[in-house]
Amino acid sequence: MLVNTLNTNEVKNSAGTEVEFARRSNPTANSTEFVQVAETPNLPHRLAIKHQETGSGKTLRRRSLVRFDKVVAGADGNPVKVSGYTVMDIPVGNLSTTAEAKNVLAELVSFCASLGASTTILYDCTGNGAVCLINGDL
């Protein structure tokens, strides 16, 4: 289980600066929500984590979501929401280990946060996958 306060570099922005979050609520047994510490009240910044299981036995699947939503002032001054999320859909009922799920997530993270030969995380969103996501590149 995650700690109630994410304040030791668990979350960083594009400048590599820590963004602190505190657990706000657990709306259901399979979800939780964090709020940015000291956020502007009319511009919420949220981290949500949700899990859903379907099927049973060998057909059991777990769909897990990690999502950030941030309301910011748009170019016209009106509030707009920017969202980013990752979903893992894992056939937990028919896997003997989590190794391949970890491989898939590692591939996703490395594609978004690196340039291939680099061994550092590019928080500035210049990694190959991040450029595709931000600029609409293929």
Protein backbone atom coordinates (compact mmCIF):
# COMPACT_ATOMS: atom_id res chain seq x y z
CA MET A 1 0.00 0.00 0.00
CA LEU A 2 1.18 3.51 -0.79
CA VAL A 3 1.99 5.91 2.00
CA ASN A 4 -0.51 8.70 2.70
CA THR A 5 1.88 11.45 1.62
CA LEU A 6 4.00 11.29 -1.53
CA ASN A 7 6.70 13.80 -0.63
CA THR A 8 10.08 12.19 -1.22
CA ASN A 9 10.47 12.45 -4.99
CA GLU A 10 7.83 9.82 -5.86
CA VAL A 11 6.32 12.34 -8.32
CA LYS A 12 8.29 14.87 -10.37
CA ASN A 13 7.25 17.42 -12.98
CA SER A 14 8.89 18.08 -16.36
CA ALA A 15 11.62 20.16 -14.69
CA GLY A 16 12.50 17.19 -12.46
CA THR A 17 11.11 19.03 -9.43
CA GLU A 18 9.25 17.10 -6.76
CA VAL A 19 5.46 17.55 -6.67
CA GLU A 20 3.95 16.59 -3.32
CA PHE A 21 0.62 14.77 -3.02
CA ALA A 22 -1.45 13.71 -0.01
CA ARG A 23 -4.08 10.97 0.05
CA ARG A 24 -7.49 12.59 -0.12
CA SER A 25 -9.87 9.68 -0.16
CA ASN A 26 -10.56 6.05 -0.95
CA PRO A 27 -13.86 6.26 -2.85
CA THR A 28 -14.00 2.45 -3.12
CA ALA A 29 -12.03 -0.50 -1.82
CA ASN A 30 -10.24 -0.71 -5.18
CA SER A 31 -9.36 2.96 -5.67
CA THR A 32 -7.70 5.94 -4.04
CA GLU A 33 -7.17 9.59 -4.84
CA PHE A 34 -4.34 11.97 -3.97
CA VAL A 35 -4.47 15.77 -4.06
CA GLN A 36 -1.48 18.02 -4.70
CA VAL A 37 -0.30 19.57 -1.45
CA ALA A 38 -0.93 23.35 -1.41
CA GLU A 39 -2.77 23.36 -4.73
CA THR A 40 -4.82 26.35 -5.85
CA PRO A 41 -8.41 25.48 -4.86
CA ASN A 42 -9.95 26.33 -8.24
CA LEU A 43 -7.19 24.50 -10.14
CA PRO A 44 -7.22 20.92 -8.78
CA HIS A 45 -4.34 18.54 -9.45
CA ARG A 46 -5.17 14.88 -8.76
CA LEU A 47 -3.56 11.45 -8.84
CA ALA A 48 -6.01 8.56 -9.05
CA ILE A 49 -5.28 4.84 -8.78
CA LYS A 50 -8.00 2.30 -9.62
CA HIS A 51 -8.21 -1.46 -10.05
CA GLN A 52 -10.96 -3.61 -11.55
CA GLU A 53 -11.03 -7.39 -11.72
CA THR A 54 -13.16 -9.37 -14.17
CA GLY A 55 -13.54 -13.10 -14.74
CA SER A 56 -12.44 -15.83 -12.37
CA GLY A 57 -9.97 -18.66 -12.20
CA LYS A 58 -7.78 -18.78 -15.32
CA THR A 59 -9.83 -16.02 -16.97
CA LEU A 60 -9.27 -13.55 -14.11
CA ARG A 61 -7.97 -10.21 -15.43
CA ARG A 62 -7.01 -7.10 -13.52
CA ARG A 63 -7.20 -3.70 -15.16
CA SER A 64 -5.18 -1.14 -13.19
CA LEU A 65 -5.12 2.59 -13.89
CA VAL A 66 -2.76 5.33 -12.69
CA ARG A 67 -4.04 8.74 -13.78
CA PHE A 68 -3.02 12.38 -13.31
CA ASP A 69 -5.53 15.18 -13.95
CA LYS A 70 -4.52 18.83 -13.69
CA VAL A 71 -6.73 21.86 -14.23
CA VAL A 72 -4.79 24.86 -15.56
CA ALA A 73 -5.62 28.24 -17.06
CA GLY A 74 -6.14 27.88 -20.80
CA ALA A 75 -4.86 30.32 -23.42
CA ASP A 76 -8.19 32.18 -23.18
CA GLY A 77 -7.98 32.31 -19.37
CA ASN A 78 -10.67 29.69 -18.80
CA PRO A 79 -9.81 26.53 -16.84
CA VAL A 80 -9.00 23.42 -18.90
CA LYS A 81 -8.09 19.90 -17.77
CA VAL A 82 -4.98 18.04 -18.94
CA SER A 83 -4.99 14.29 -18.27
CA GLY A 84 -2.43 11.53 -18.59
CA TYR A 85 -2.80 7.92 -17.60
CA THR A 86 -1.40 4.43 -17.90
CA VAL A 87 -3.52 1.30 -17.92
CA MET A 88 -2.23 -2.21 -17.37
CA ASP A 89 -4.52 -5.09 -18.40
CA ILE A 90 -3.04 -8.24 -16.91
CA PRO A 91 -4.35 -11.84 -17.16
CA VAL A 92 -3.53 -12.51 -13.49
CA GLY A 93 -5.47 -15.77 -13.47
CA ASN A 94 -3.26 -17.35 -16.10
CA LEU A 95 0.22 -16.04 -15.23
CA SER A 96 2.60 -17.84 -12.92
CA THR A 97 4.66 -14.68 -12.23
CA THR A 98 4.41 -10.94 -12.78
CA ALA A 99 7.64 -10.91 -14.82
CA GLU A 100 6.03 -10.28 -18.22
CA ALA A 101 3.69 -7.60 -16.86
CA LYS A 102 6.77 -5.89 -15.41
CA ASN A 103 8.55 -6.20 -18.78
CA VAL A 104 5.63 -4.55 -20.60
CA LEU A 105 5.48 -1.68 -18.10
CA ALA A 106 9.27 -1.23 -18.21
CA GLU A 107 9.11 -1.07 -22.02
CA LEU A 108 6.39 1.57 -21.86
CA VAL A 109 8.24 3.68 -19.29
CA SER A 110 11.58 3.42 -21.09
CA PHE A 111 9.99 4.31 -24.46
CA CYS A 112 8.37 7.40 -22.97
CA ALA A 113 11.25 8.54 -20.78
CA SER A 114 14.41 7.79 -22.77
CA LEU A 115 16.08 8.18 -26.15
CA GLY A 116 17.24 4.58 -26.47
CA ALA A 117 20.90 4.73 -25.58
CA SER A 118 20.30 6.94 -22.55
CA THR A 119 20.24 5.46 -19.08
CA THR A 120 18.64 8.46 -17.40
CA ILE A 121 14.97 9.35 -17.13
CA LEU A 122 14.07 12.38 -19.24
CA TYR A 123 11.56 14.26 -17.08
CA ASP A 124 11.47 17.05 -19.68
CA CYS A 125 9.31 14.81 -21.92
CA THR A 126 11.86 14.58 -24.74
CA GLY A 127 11.89 10.76 -24.70
CA ASN A 128 10.78 9.05 -27.91
CA GLY A 129 7.35 7.99 -26.63
CA ALA A 130 6.73 11.26 -24.79
CA VAL A 131 7.32 13.23 -28.00
CA CYS A 132 4.75 11.01 -29.75
CA LEU A 133 2.23 11.62 -26.95
CA ILE A 134 2.81 15.37 -26.58
CA ASN A 135 3.21 16.37 -30.25
CA GLY A 136 1.06 13.76 -31.96
CA ASP A 137 4.12 12.30 -33.75
CA LEU A 138 4.18 8.80 -35.22
